[in-house]
Amino acid sequence: MNTIESQILCARLAGRLGVHPAAAESALLATLEHFRAQSHDPGVVWAGLTPDEYMEAALRAPRFRATLQASALVAGGREADARLSWEAFMQREMSDAKRAHQAVPPTVLMGNPGAIRRIGRRLGLSDEQTDQLVADIVLTLATGYPFRAHHQRHLSLADILTQVTAEDLTELLQHAALSATGRDEEAAAMLRRIQRAGR
């Protein structure tokens, strides 16, 4: 993002939110730094993306705009508004993910609740646990746009969900179950194994 683009973005942000231009500038710098740090995540490398390619995708995504807006409100001393803004974004994101999941045909695994629950039971999960973990997995896949490999960038979330195999779902459920029970080190080790196997 060049200087002129940054200035235009800050001016629009300040005008739309009613915050001081300095708050908008501070928020933009903080948000860019946040996404730059993410651009060096191992998941980005695993997807075959350079940090610059990650940033190009991230800057166009709704999550960047939502993060920037919440950050500007915080910088402007409006923490309650920032929290409401972020919560509204998360609600929209969850609703979009749920709609995409509901659009998956029942002829494929992620459109077949019975098949999903059978995999969960084999892992020792109750049907309720599986349903919640699958909802979390779908949201994670929805927000994982920066980590999609080049050959998947054009796919919608529903398209990606149709490609999830029983083996994929088993691994995703195991990882999500470890994370949900606070076994973060085991979850991280499993994620590394999944990423290595996907190369």
N, C-alpha and C. Protein backbone atom coordinates (compact mmCIF):
# COMPACT_ATOMS: atom_id res chain seq x y z
N MET A 1 0.86 -1.18 0.00
CA MET A 1 0.00 0.00 0.00
C MET A 1 0.90 1.23 0.00
N ASN A 2 0.72 2.08 -1.03
CA ASN A 2 1.59 3.25 -1.12
C ASN A 2 1.07 4.40 -0.24
N THR A 3 1.85 5.46 -0.16
CA THR A 3 1.54 6.57 0.74
C THR A 3 0.22 7.24 0.38
N ILE A 4 -0.03 7.46 -0.91
CA ILE A 4 -1.28 8.12 -1.33
C ILE A 4 -2.48 7.26 -0.98
N GLU A 5 -2.39 5.93 -1.24
CA GLU A 5 -3.48 5.03 -0.90
C GLU A 5 -3.74 5.05 0.61
N SER A 6 -2.66 5.07 1.39
CA SER A 6 -2.78 5.11 2.85
C SER A 6 -3.48 6.38 3.31
N GLN A 7 -3.10 7.52 2.71
CA GLN A 7 -3.70 8.80 3.09
C GLN A 7 -5.19 8.84 2.75
N ILE A 8 -5.54 8.34 1.59
CA ILE A 8 -6.95 8.30 1.17
C ILE A 8 -7.75 7.40 2.11
N LEU A 9 -7.19 6.22 2.41
CA LEU A 9 -7.87 5.28 3.30
C LEU A 9 -8.07 5.89 4.69
N CYS A 10 -7.05 6.52 5.21
CA CYS A 10 -7.14 7.15 6.55
C CYS A 10 -8.19 8.27 6.56
N ALA A 11 -8.21 9.08 5.50
CA ALA A 11 -9.18 10.18 5.43
C ALA A 11 -10.61 9.63 5.39
N ARG A 12 -10.82 8.59 4.59
CA ARG A 12 -12.16 7.98 4.52
C ARG A 12 -12.56 7.37 5.85
N LEU A 13 -11.61 6.68 6.47
CA LEU A 13 -11.87 6.04 7.75
C LEU A 13 -12.23 7.07 8.82
N ALA A 14 -11.44 8.15 8.88
CA ALA A 14 -11.70 9.21 9.86
C ALA A 14 -13.07 9.84 9.63
N GLY A 15 -13.40 10.10 8.36
CA GLY A 15 -14.70 10.70 8.05
C GLY A 15 -15.86 9.79 8.36
N ARG A 16 -15.73 8.51 8.02
CA ARG A 16 -16.82 7.57 8.23
C ARG A 16 -17.07 7.28 9.71
N LEU A 17 -16.00 7.16 10.48
CA LEU A 17 -16.14 6.79 11.89
C LEU A 17 -16.19 7.98 12.83
N GLY A 18 -15.82 9.15 12.31
CA GLY A 18 -15.78 10.34 13.17
C GLY A 18 -14.64 10.30 14.17
N VAL A 19 -13.51 9.70 13.76
CA VAL A 19 -12.33 9.69 14.64
C VAL A 19 -11.31 10.69 14.11
N HIS A 20 -10.38 11.06 14.94
CA HIS A 20 -9.32 11.99 14.54
C HIS A 20 -8.44 11.32 13.47
N PRO A 21 -7.99 12.08 12.47
CA PRO A 21 -7.11 11.49 11.45
C PRO A 21 -5.89 10.78 12.03
N ALA A 22 -5.36 11.28 13.14
CA ALA A 22 -4.20 10.62 13.76
C ALA A 22 -4.58 9.23 14.28
N ALA A 23 -5.81 9.08 14.77
CA ALA A 23 -6.27 7.78 15.24
C ALA A 23 -6.41 6.81 14.07
N ALA A 24 -6.92 7.32 12.95
CA ALA A 24 -7.05 6.48 11.75
C ALA A 24 -5.68 6.05 11.25
N GLU A 25 -4.72 6.95 11.25
CA GLU A 25 -3.36 6.62 10.80
C GLU A 25 -2.71 5.59 11.72
N SER A 26 -2.86 5.79 13.02
CA SER A 26 -2.31 4.86 14.00
C SER A 26 -2.92 3.47 13.82
N ALA A 27 -4.24 3.43 13.58
CA ALA A 27 -4.93 2.16 13.39
C ALA A 27 -4.45 1.46 12.13
N LEU A 28 -4.25 2.22 11.06
CA LEU A 28 -3.77 1.62 9.82
C LEU A 28 -2.39 1.01 10.01
N LEU A 29 -1.50 1.74 10.66
CA LEU A 29 -0.15 1.22 10.90
C LEU A 29 -0.19 -0.06 11.74
N ALA A 30 -1.00 -0.05 12.79
CA ALA A 30 -1.11 -1.23 13.67
C ALA A 30 -1.72 -2.42 12.92
N THR A 31 -2.73 -2.16 12.10
CA THR A 31 -3.39 -3.23 11.36
C THR A 31 -2.45 -3.82 10.31
N LEU A 32 -1.74 -2.96 9.60
CA LEU A 32 -0.77 -3.45 8.62
C LEU A 32 0.31 -4.29 9.29
N GLU A 33 0.78 -3.84 10.44
CA GLU A 33 1.81 -4.59 11.18
C GLU A 33 1.27 -5.95 11.61
N HIS A 34 0.03 -5.99 12.05
CA HIS A 34 -0.61 -7.25 12.47
C HIS A 34 -0.64 -8.24 11.31
N PHE A 35 -1.07 -7.77 10.13
CA PHE A 35 -1.16 -8.66 8.98
C PHE A 35 0.22 -9.01 8.42
N ARG A 36 1.17 -8.09 8.53
CA ARG A 36 2.54 -8.42 8.10
C ARG A 36 3.11 -9.53 8.95
N ALA A 37 2.86 -9.47 10.26
CA ALA A 37 3.32 -10.55 11.16
C ALA A 37 2.68 -11.88 10.76
N GLN A 38 1.39 -11.85 10.43
CA GLN A 38 0.71 -13.08 10.00
C GLN A 38 1.29 -13.61 8.69
N SER A 39 1.80 -12.71 7.86
CA SER A 39 2.30 -13.14 6.54
C SER A 39 3.50 -14.07 6.66
N HIS A 40 4.09 -14.17 7.85
CA HIS A 40 5.23 -15.06 8.06
C HIS A 40 4.84 -16.33 8.80
N ASP A 41 3.52 -16.54 8.95
CA ASP A 41 3.01 -17.75 9.59
C ASP A 41 3.41 -18.97 8.76
N PRO A 42 3.74 -20.10 9.40
CA PRO A 42 4.08 -21.31 8.64
C PRO A 42 2.98 -21.75 7.68
N GLY A 43 1.71 -21.44 8.03
CA GLY A 43 0.61 -21.80 7.14
C GLY A 43 0.68 -21.10 5.80
N VAL A 44 1.23 -19.89 5.79
CA VAL A 44 1.39 -19.15 4.54
C VAL A 44 2.42 -19.84 3.66
N VAL A 45 3.53 -20.22 4.27
CA VAL A 45 4.59 -20.94 3.54
C VAL A 45 4.04 -22.27 3.02
N TRP A 46 3.30 -22.97 3.89
CA TRP A 46 2.73 -24.27 3.52
C TRP A 46 1.82 -24.15 2.32
N ALA A 47 1.08 -23.04 2.22
CA ALA A 47 0.17 -22.82 1.08
C ALA A 47 0.91 -22.39 -0.18
N GLY A 48 2.23 -22.19 -0.07
CA GLY A 48 3.02 -21.81 -1.22
C GLY A 48 2.94 -20.33 -1.54
N LEU A 49 2.64 -19.51 -0.51
CA LEU A 49 2.51 -18.07 -0.72
C LEU A 49 3.70 -17.33 -0.15
N THR A 50 4.08 -16.26 -0.80
CA THR A 50 5.10 -15.37 -0.24
C THR A 50 4.38 -14.39 0.69
N PRO A 51 5.12 -13.73 1.59
CA PRO A 51 4.48 -12.72 2.44
C PRO A 51 3.78 -11.64 1.62
N ASP A 52 4.35 -11.24 0.49
CA ASP A 52 3.71 -10.21 -0.34
C ASP A 52 2.39 -10.70 -0.93
N GLU A 53 2.35 -11.97 -1.35
CA GLU A 53 1.10 -12.52 -1.89
C GLU A 53 0.04 -12.61 -0.80
N TYR A 54 0.48 -12.97 0.40
CA TYR A 54 -0.45 -13.00 1.53
C TYR A 54 -1.04 -11.61 1.77
N MET A 55 -0.18 -10.61 1.81
CA MET A 55 -0.64 -9.25 2.07
C MET A 55 -1.60 -8.78 0.99
N GLU A 56 -1.32 -9.11 -0.24
CA GLU A 56 -2.20 -8.71 -1.34
C GLU A 56 -3.60 -9.28 -1.15
N ALA A 57 -3.67 -10.56 -0.74
CA ALA A 57 -4.98 -11.19 -0.49
C ALA A 57 -5.63 -10.60 0.76
N ALA A 58 -4.84 -10.40 1.81
CA ALA A 58 -5.39 -9.92 3.08
C ALA A 58 -5.97 -8.52 2.96
N LEU A 59 -5.31 -7.65 2.20
CA LEU A 59 -5.76 -6.26 2.07
C LEU A 59 -7.12 -6.15 1.39
N ARG A 60 -7.47 -7.15 0.60
CA ARG A 60 -8.76 -7.12 -0.11
C ARG A 60 -9.87 -7.83 0.67
N ALA A 61 -9.53 -8.44 1.80
CA ALA A 61 -10.49 -9.27 2.51
C ALA A 61 -11.29 -8.48 3.54
N PRO A 62 -12.53 -8.91 3.79
CA PRO A 62 -13.36 -8.22 4.79
C PRO A 62 -12.73 -8.17 6.19
N ARG A 63 -11.94 -9.19 6.54
CA ARG A 63 -11.33 -9.23 7.88
C ARG A 63 -10.36 -8.07 8.07
N PHE A 64 -9.65 -7.68 7.01
CA PHE A 64 -8.73 -6.54 7.12
C PHE A 64 -9.53 -5.27 7.44
N ARG A 65 -10.61 -5.05 6.69
CA ARG A 65 -11.42 -3.84 6.91
C ARG A 65 -12.03 -3.84 8.31
N ALA A 66 -12.51 -5.00 8.76
CA ALA A 66 -13.11 -5.07 10.10
C ALA A 66 -12.07 -4.83 11.19
N THR A 67 -10.88 -5.39 11.00
CA THR A 67 -9.80 -5.19 11.98
C THR A 67 -9.40 -3.73 12.02
N LEU A 68 -9.28 -3.12 10.85
CA LEU A 68 -8.91 -1.71 10.76
C LEU A 68 -9.95 -0.83 11.42
N GLN A 69 -11.21 -1.09 11.17
CA GLN A 69 -12.27 -0.26 11.76
C GLN A 69 -12.27 -0.37 13.28
N ALA A 70 -12.17 -1.59 13.79
CA ALA A 70 -12.15 -1.78 15.25
C ALA A 70 -10.92 -1.11 15.86
N SER A 71 -9.80 -1.22 15.18
CA SER A 71 -8.57 -0.60 15.68
C SER A 71 -8.68 0.92 15.70
N ALA A 72 -9.31 1.49 14.68
CA ALA A 72 -9.48 2.96 14.63
C ALA A 72 -10.40 3.43 15.75
N LEU A 73 -11.44 2.66 16.02
CA LEU A 73 -12.34 3.04 17.11
C LEU A 73 -11.63 2.97 18.46
N VAL A 74 -10.80 1.95 18.65
CA VAL A 74 -10.02 1.86 19.90
C VAL A 74 -9.07 3.04 20.00
N ALA A 75 -8.37 3.33 18.89
CA ALA A 75 -7.42 4.46 18.89
C ALA A 75 -8.13 5.78 19.15
N GLY A 76 -9.40 5.86 18.77
CA GLY A 76 -10.19 7.06 19.02
C GLY A 76 -10.86 7.08 20.39
N GLY A 77 -10.52 6.10 21.24
CA GLY A 77 -11.07 6.06 22.60
C GLY A 77 -12.48 5.51 22.68
N ARG A 78 -12.91 4.78 21.67
CA ARG A 78 -14.29 4.26 21.64
C ARG A 78 -14.27 2.73 21.70
N GLU A 79 -13.79 2.21 22.83
CA GLU A 79 -13.62 0.76 22.98
C GLU A 79 -14.94 0.00 22.86
N ALA A 80 -16.01 0.53 23.43
CA ALA A 80 -17.31 -0.16 23.36
C ALA A 80 -17.78 -0.26 21.91
N ASP A 81 -17.64 0.82 21.16
CA ASP A 81 -18.01 0.79 19.74
C ASP A 81 -17.14 -0.20 18.97
N ALA A 82 -15.85 -0.26 19.31
CA ALA A 82 -14.93 -1.19 18.65
C ALA A 82 -15.37 -2.63 18.90
N ARG A 83 -15.73 -2.92 20.14
CA ARG A 83 -16.18 -4.27 20.49
C ARG A 83 -17.45 -4.63 19.72
N LEU A 84 -18.41 -3.70 19.67
CA LEU A 84 -19.65 -3.95 18.94
C LEU A 84 -19.40 -4.14 17.44
N SER A 85 -18.51 -3.33 16.90
CA SER A 85 -18.16 -3.43 15.48
C SER A 85 -17.56 -4.80 15.17
N TRP A 86 -16.64 -5.25 16.02
CA TRP A 86 -15.98 -6.54 15.79
C TRP A 86 -16.97 -7.69 15.97
N GLU A 87 -17.83 -7.59 16.98
CA GLU A 87 -18.82 -8.64 17.21
C GLU A 87 -19.79 -8.74 16.03
N ALA A 88 -20.18 -7.60 15.46
CA ALA A 88 -21.08 -7.60 14.30
C ALA A 88 -20.40 -8.27 13.11
N PHE A 89 -19.12 -7.97 12.92
CA PHE A 89 -18.37 -8.61 11.83
C PHE A 89 -18.31 -10.11 12.03
N MET A 90 -18.01 -10.55 13.26
CA MET A 90 -17.92 -11.98 13.54
C MET A 90 -19.27 -12.67 13.32
N GLN A 91 -20.36 -12.01 13.69
CA GLN A 91 -21.69 -12.58 13.46
C GLN A 91 -21.94 -12.76 11.96
N ARG A 92 -21.57 -11.75 11.17
CA ARG A 92 -21.74 -11.87 9.71
C ARG A 92 -20.90 -13.01 9.16
N GLU A 93 -19.67 -13.10 9.64
CA GLU A 93 -18.76 -14.15 9.17
C GLU A 93 -19.32 -15.54 9.52
N MET A 94 -19.83 -15.68 10.74
CA MET A 94 -20.40 -16.97 11.16
C MET A 94 -21.65 -17.31 10.35
N SER A 95 -22.47 -16.31 10.09
CA SER A 95 -23.69 -16.54 9.29
C SER A 95 -23.34 -16.95 7.86
N ASP A 96 -22.35 -16.27 7.28
CA ASP A 96 -21.91 -16.62 5.92
C ASP A 96 -21.38 -18.04 5.86
N ALA A 97 -20.58 -18.41 6.88
CA ALA A 97 -20.01 -19.76 6.93
C ALA A 97 -21.12 -20.80 7.07
N LYS A 98 -22.10 -20.51 7.90
CA LYS A 98 -23.21 -21.45 8.10
C LYS A 98 -24.00 -21.62 6.81
N ARG A 99 -24.26 -20.52 6.11
CA ARG A 99 -25.00 -20.61 4.83
C ARG A 99 -24.22 -21.42 3.80
N ALA A 100 -22.91 -21.22 3.74
CA ALA A 100 -22.08 -21.98 2.80
C ALA A 100 -22.12 -23.47 3.13
N HIS A 101 -22.08 -23.78 4.42
CA HIS A 101 -22.14 -25.18 4.83
C HIS A 101 -23.49 -25.79 4.48
N GLN A 102 -24.56 -25.04 4.67
CA GLN A 102 -25.90 -25.54 4.35
C GLN A 102 -26.09 -25.75 2.84
N ALA A 103 -25.27 -25.05 2.04
CA ALA A 103 -25.38 -25.16 0.58
C ALA A 103 -24.67 -26.40 0.03
N VAL A 104 -23.89 -27.07 0.88
CA VAL A 104 -23.17 -28.26 0.42
C VAL A 104 -24.17 -29.39 0.22
N PRO A 105 -24.14 -30.06 -0.94
CA PRO A 105 -25.13 -31.12 -1.19
C PRO A 105 -24.95 -32.31 -0.25
N PRO A 106 -26.05 -33.00 0.08
CA PRO A 106 -25.97 -34.14 1.01
C PRO A 106 -25.24 -35.34 0.44
N THR A 107 -24.89 -35.27 -0.83
CA THR A 107 -24.17 -36.39 -1.46
C THR A 107 -22.68 -36.38 -1.14
N VAL A 108 -22.19 -35.30 -0.51
CA VAL A 108 -20.78 -35.25 -0.12
C VAL A 108 -20.70 -35.22 1.41
N LEU A 109 -19.55 -35.59 1.93
CA LEU A 109 -19.38 -35.76 3.37
C LEU A 109 -19.85 -34.57 4.19
N MET A 110 -19.39 -33.36 3.85
CA MET A 110 -19.70 -32.19 4.69
C MET A 110 -21.16 -31.76 4.58
N GLY A 111 -21.92 -32.38 3.70
CA GLY A 111 -23.35 -32.11 3.61
C GLY A 111 -24.18 -33.21 4.24
N ASN A 112 -23.50 -34.17 4.88
CA ASN A 112 -24.18 -35.34 5.44
C ASN A 112 -23.94 -35.40 6.95
N PRO A 113 -24.85 -34.82 7.76
CA PRO A 113 -24.64 -34.79 9.21
C PRO A 113 -24.45 -36.17 9.83
N GLY A 114 -25.16 -37.17 9.31
CA GLY A 114 -25.01 -38.53 9.86
C GLY A 114 -23.60 -39.06 9.69
N ALA A 115 -23.04 -38.87 8.50
CA ALA A 115 -21.67 -39.35 8.24
C ALA A 115 -20.66 -38.58 9.09
N ILE A 116 -20.89 -37.29 9.24
CA ILE A 116 -19.99 -36.47 10.07
C ILE A 116 -20.01 -36.96 11.51
N ARG A 117 -21.20 -37.22 12.02
CA ARG A 117 -21.32 -37.67 13.42
C ARG A 117 -20.71 -39.05 13.62
N ARG A 118 -20.80 -39.92 12.61
CA ARG A 118 -20.17 -41.25 12.73
C ARG A 118 -18.66 -41.12 12.89
N ILE A 119 -18.07 -40.19 12.15
CA ILE A 119 -16.63 -39.95 12.30
C ILE A 119 -16.33 -39.42 13.69
N GLY A 120 -17.16 -38.51 14.18
CA GLY A 120 -16.99 -37.98 15.53
C GLY A 120 -17.08 -39.07 16.58
N ARG A 121 -18.05 -39.98 16.43
CA ARG A 121 -18.20 -41.06 17.40
C ARG A 121 -16.97 -41.96 17.42
N ARG A 122 -16.41 -42.22 16.24
CA ARG A 122 -15.18 -43.05 16.20
C ARG A 122 -14.04 -42.39 16.96
N LEU A 123 -14.09 -41.07 17.07
CA LEU A 123 -13.07 -40.33 17.82
C LEU A 123 -13.44 -40.15 19.29
N GLY A 124 -14.59 -40.71 19.69
CA GLY A 124 -15.01 -40.60 21.08
C GLY A 124 -15.75 -39.32 21.40
N LEU A 125 -16.25 -38.64 20.38
CA LEU A 125 -16.98 -37.38 20.60
C LEU A 125 -18.48 -37.63 20.59
N SER A 126 -19.19 -36.88 21.41
CA SER A 126 -20.66 -36.94 21.36
C SER A 126 -21.12 -36.22 20.09
N ASP A 127 -22.37 -36.47 19.70
CA ASP A 127 -22.89 -35.80 18.50
C ASP A 127 -22.88 -34.28 18.68
N GLU A 128 -23.21 -33.82 19.90
CA GLU A 128 -23.23 -32.37 20.17
C GLU A 128 -21.82 -31.78 20.04
N GLN A 129 -20.82 -32.49 20.57
CA GLN A 129 -19.43 -32.02 20.45
C GLN A 129 -19.03 -31.94 18.98
N THR A 130 -19.36 -32.98 18.24
CA THR A 130 -19.00 -33.01 16.81
C THR A 130 -19.65 -31.85 16.07
N ASP A 131 -20.94 -31.62 16.33
CA ASP A 131 -21.64 -30.52 15.65
C ASP A 131 -20.96 -29.18 15.93
N GLN A 132 -20.59 -28.94 17.20
CA GLN A 132 -19.95 -27.67 17.55
C GLN A 132 -18.56 -27.57 16.92
N LEU A 133 -17.80 -28.67 16.97
CA LEU A 133 -16.45 -28.63 16.40
C LEU A 133 -16.51 -28.45 14.89
N VAL A 134 -17.48 -29.08 14.23
CA VAL A 134 -17.61 -28.92 12.78
C VAL A 134 -17.98 -27.48 12.44
N ALA A 135 -18.86 -26.87 13.23
CA ALA A 135 -19.20 -25.45 13.00
C ALA A 135 -17.94 -24.58 13.14
N ASP A 136 -17.11 -24.89 14.14
CA ASP A 136 -15.86 -24.15 14.33
C ASP A 136 -14.90 -24.38 13.17
N ILE A 137 -14.84 -25.63 12.68
CA ILE A 137 -13.95 -25.96 11.56
C ILE A 137 -14.39 -25.21 10.30
N VAL A 138 -15.70 -25.17 10.06
CA VAL A 138 -16.21 -24.46 8.88
C VAL A 138 -15.85 -22.98 8.97
N LEU A 139 -16.00 -22.39 10.15
CA LEU A 139 -15.64 -20.98 10.31
C LEU A 139 -14.14 -20.78 10.10
N THR A 140 -13.33 -21.70 10.60
CA THR A 140 -11.88 -21.61 10.40
C THR A 140 -11.53 -21.68 8.92
N LEU A 141 -12.18 -22.60 8.20
CA LEU A 141 -11.94 -22.70 6.75
C LEU A 141 -12.39 -21.42 6.04
N ALA A 142 -13.49 -20.85 6.53
CA ALA A 142 -14.01 -19.61 5.92
C ALA A 142 -13.03 -18.46 6.10
N THR A 143 -12.41 -18.40 7.26
CA THR A 143 -11.49 -17.29 7.53
C THR A 143 -10.08 -17.60 7.10
N GLY A 144 -9.85 -18.80 6.57
CA GLY A 144 -8.50 -19.20 6.18
C GLY A 144 -8.12 -18.84 4.76
N TYR A 145 -8.80 -17.81 4.19
CA TYR A 145 -8.51 -17.41 2.81
C TYR A 145 -7.02 -17.18 2.54
N PRO A 146 -6.25 -16.64 3.50
CA PRO A 146 -4.85 -16.37 3.14
C PRO A 146 -4.02 -17.64 3.00
N PHE A 147 -4.52 -18.73 3.58
CA PHE A 147 -3.75 -19.97 3.57
C PHE A 147 -4.16 -20.91 2.46
N ARG A 148 -5.06 -20.48 1.58
CA ARG A 148 -5.44 -21.34 0.46
C ARG A 148 -4.33 -21.35 -0.57
N ALA A 149 -4.02 -22.54 -1.04
CA ALA A 149 -3.03 -22.67 -2.11
C ALA A 149 -3.56 -22.01 -3.38
N HIS A 150 -2.65 -21.69 -4.29
CA HIS A 150 -3.04 -20.97 -5.51
C HIS A 150 -4.16 -21.67 -6.27
N HIS A 151 -4.11 -23.00 -6.34
CA HIS A 151 -5.12 -23.72 -7.12
C HIS A 151 -6.49 -23.71 -6.44
N GLN A 152 -6.58 -23.21 -5.20
CA GLN A 152 -7.88 -23.14 -4.51
C GLN A 152 -8.40 -21.72 -4.35
N ARG A 153 -7.63 -20.73 -4.79
CA ARG A 153 -7.98 -19.33 -4.51
C ARG A 153 -9.31 -18.93 -5.12
N HIS A 154 -9.68 -19.54 -6.25
CA HIS A 154 -10.91 -19.15 -6.93
C HIS A 154 -12.14 -19.85 -6.36
N LEU A 155 -11.94 -20.80 -5.44
CA LEU A 155 -13.05 -21.59 -4.94
C LEU A 155 -13.82 -20.87 -3.83
N SER A 156 -15.11 -21.07 -3.82
CA SER A 156 -15.93 -20.55 -2.72
C SER A 156 -15.76 -21.48 -1.52
N LEU A 157 -16.26 -21.05 -0.36
CA LEU A 157 -16.20 -21.91 0.82
C LEU A 157 -16.98 -23.20 0.58
N ALA A 158 -18.17 -23.09 -0.05
CA ALA A 158 -18.96 -24.30 -0.34
C ALA A 158 -18.16 -25.26 -1.21
N ASP A 159 -17.44 -24.73 -2.21
CA ASP A 159 -16.60 -25.57 -3.07
C ASP A 159 -15.54 -26.30 -2.24
N ILE A 160 -14.91 -25.56 -1.34
CA ILE A 160 -13.85 -26.15 -0.51
C ILE A 160 -14.44 -27.23 0.39
N LEU A 161 -15.61 -26.97 0.94
CA LEU A 161 -16.23 -27.96 1.83
C LEU A 161 -16.58 -29.25 1.09
N THR A 162 -16.92 -29.14 -0.20
CA THR A 162 -17.25 -30.36 -0.95
C THR A 162 -16.02 -31.23 -1.16
N GLN A 163 -14.83 -30.66 -1.01
CA GLN A 163 -13.59 -31.41 -1.23
C GLN A 163 -13.03 -32.05 0.05
N VAL A 164 -13.68 -31.81 1.19
CA VAL A 164 -13.20 -32.39 2.45
C VAL A 164 -13.50 -33.88 2.46
N THR A 165 -12.45 -34.69 2.62
CA THR A 165 -12.61 -36.14 2.65
C THR A 165 -12.78 -36.62 4.09
N ALA A 166 -13.11 -37.91 4.25
CA ALA A 166 -13.26 -38.49 5.59
C ALA A 166 -11.94 -38.39 6.35
N GLU A 167 -10.83 -38.62 5.65
CA GLU A 167 -9.51 -38.51 6.30
C GLU A 167 -9.24 -37.08 6.74
N ASP A 168 -9.56 -36.12 5.86
CA ASP A 168 -9.39 -34.70 6.21
C ASP A 168 -10.20 -34.34 7.45
N LEU A 169 -11.48 -34.75 7.43
CA LEU A 169 -12.37 -34.39 8.53
C LEU A 169 -11.92 -35.04 9.84
N THR A 170 -11.44 -36.27 9.76
CA THR A 170 -10.94 -36.94 10.96
C THR A 170 -9.80 -36.15 11.58
N GLU A 171 -8.86 -35.72 10.73
CA GLU A 171 -7.73 -34.93 11.24
C GLU A 171 -8.18 -33.58 11.79
N LEU A 172 -9.09 -32.93 11.07
CA LEU A 172 -9.58 -31.62 11.52
C LEU A 172 -10.33 -31.73 12.85
N LEU A 173 -11.13 -32.79 12.99
CA LEU A 173 -11.86 -32.98 14.25
C LEU A 173 -10.90 -33.30 15.40
N GLN A 174 -9.89 -34.13 15.12
CA GLN A 174 -8.91 -34.43 16.17
C GLN A 174 -8.19 -33.16 16.62
N HIS A 175 -7.78 -32.35 15.64
CA HIS A 175 -7.08 -31.11 15.96
C HIS A 175 -8.00 -30.16 16.75
N ALA A 176 -9.24 -30.02 16.29
CA ALA A 176 -10.18 -29.12 16.96
C ALA A 176 -10.49 -29.60 18.37
N ALA A 177 -10.61 -30.93 18.56
CA ALA A 177 -10.89 -31.47 19.89
C ALA A 177 -9.73 -31.21 20.83
N LEU A 178 -8.50 -31.36 20.35
CA LEU A 178 -7.33 -31.07 21.19
C LEU A 178 -7.31 -29.60 21.60
N SER A 179 -7.58 -28.72 20.62
CA SER A 179 -7.59 -27.28 20.91
C SER A 179 -8.69 -26.92 21.90
N ALA A 180 -9.87 -27.53 21.71
CA ALA A 180 -11.02 -27.21 22.55
C ALA A 180 -10.81 -27.64 24.00
N THR A 181 -9.98 -28.66 24.21
CA THR A 181 -9.73 -29.14 25.57
C THR A 181 -8.45 -28.56 26.16
N GLY A 182 -7.89 -27.56 25.50
CA GLY A 182 -6.71 -26.87 26.04
C GLY A 182 -5.40 -27.61 25.85
N ARG A 183 -5.40 -28.62 25.01
CA ARG A 183 -4.16 -29.38 24.78
C ARG A 183 -3.42 -28.75 23.60
N ASP A 184 -2.97 -27.52 23.81
CA ASP A 184 -2.44 -26.69 22.72
C ASP A 184 -1.16 -27.25 22.11
N GLU A 185 -0.28 -27.80 22.92
CA GLU A 185 0.98 -28.33 22.38
C GLU A 185 0.71 -29.52 21.48
N GLU A 186 -0.19 -30.41 21.91
CA GLU A 186 -0.54 -31.56 21.08
C GLU A 186 -1.23 -31.10 19.80
N ALA A 187 -2.11 -30.09 19.93
CA ALA A 187 -2.82 -29.56 18.75
C ALA A 187 -1.82 -28.96 17.76
N ALA A 188 -0.84 -28.21 18.28
CA ALA A 188 0.17 -27.59 17.40
C ALA A 188 1.01 -28.66 16.71
N ALA A 189 1.38 -29.72 17.45
CA ALA A 189 2.17 -30.80 16.85
C ALA A 189 1.37 -31.50 15.76
N MET A 190 0.08 -31.71 16.01
CA MET A 190 -0.77 -32.35 15.02
C MET A 190 -0.91 -31.49 13.78
N LEU A 191 -1.07 -30.17 13.98
CA LEU A 191 -1.18 -29.27 12.84
C LEU A 191 0.08 -29.32 11.99
N ARG A 192 1.24 -29.37 12.64
CA ARG A 192 2.50 -29.48 11.87
C ARG A 192 2.54 -30.77 11.07
N ARG A 193 2.06 -31.87 11.65
CA ARG A 193 2.03 -33.15 10.92
C ARG A 193 1.10 -33.06 9.71
N ILE A 194 -0.07 -32.43 9.92
CA ILE A 194 -1.03 -32.27 8.81
C ILE A 194 -0.40 -31.45 7.69
N GLN A 195 0.27 -30.37 8.06
CA GLN A 195 0.88 -29.49 7.06
C GLN A 195 2.01 -30.19 6.31
N ARG A 196 2.82 -30.96 7.05
CA ARG A 196 3.91 -31.70 6.38
C ARG A 196 3.34 -32.72 5.39
N ALA A 197 2.26 -33.42 5.80
CA ALA A 197 1.65 -34.42 4.93
C ALA A 197 1.03 -33.79 3.69
N GLY A 198 0.61 -32.52 3.81
CA GLY A 198 -0.04 -31.84 2.68
C GLY A 198 0.92 -31.27 1.68
N ARG A 199 2.19 -31.31 1.95
CA ARG A 199 3.17 -30.72 1.02
C ARG A 199 3.38 -31.59 -0.20
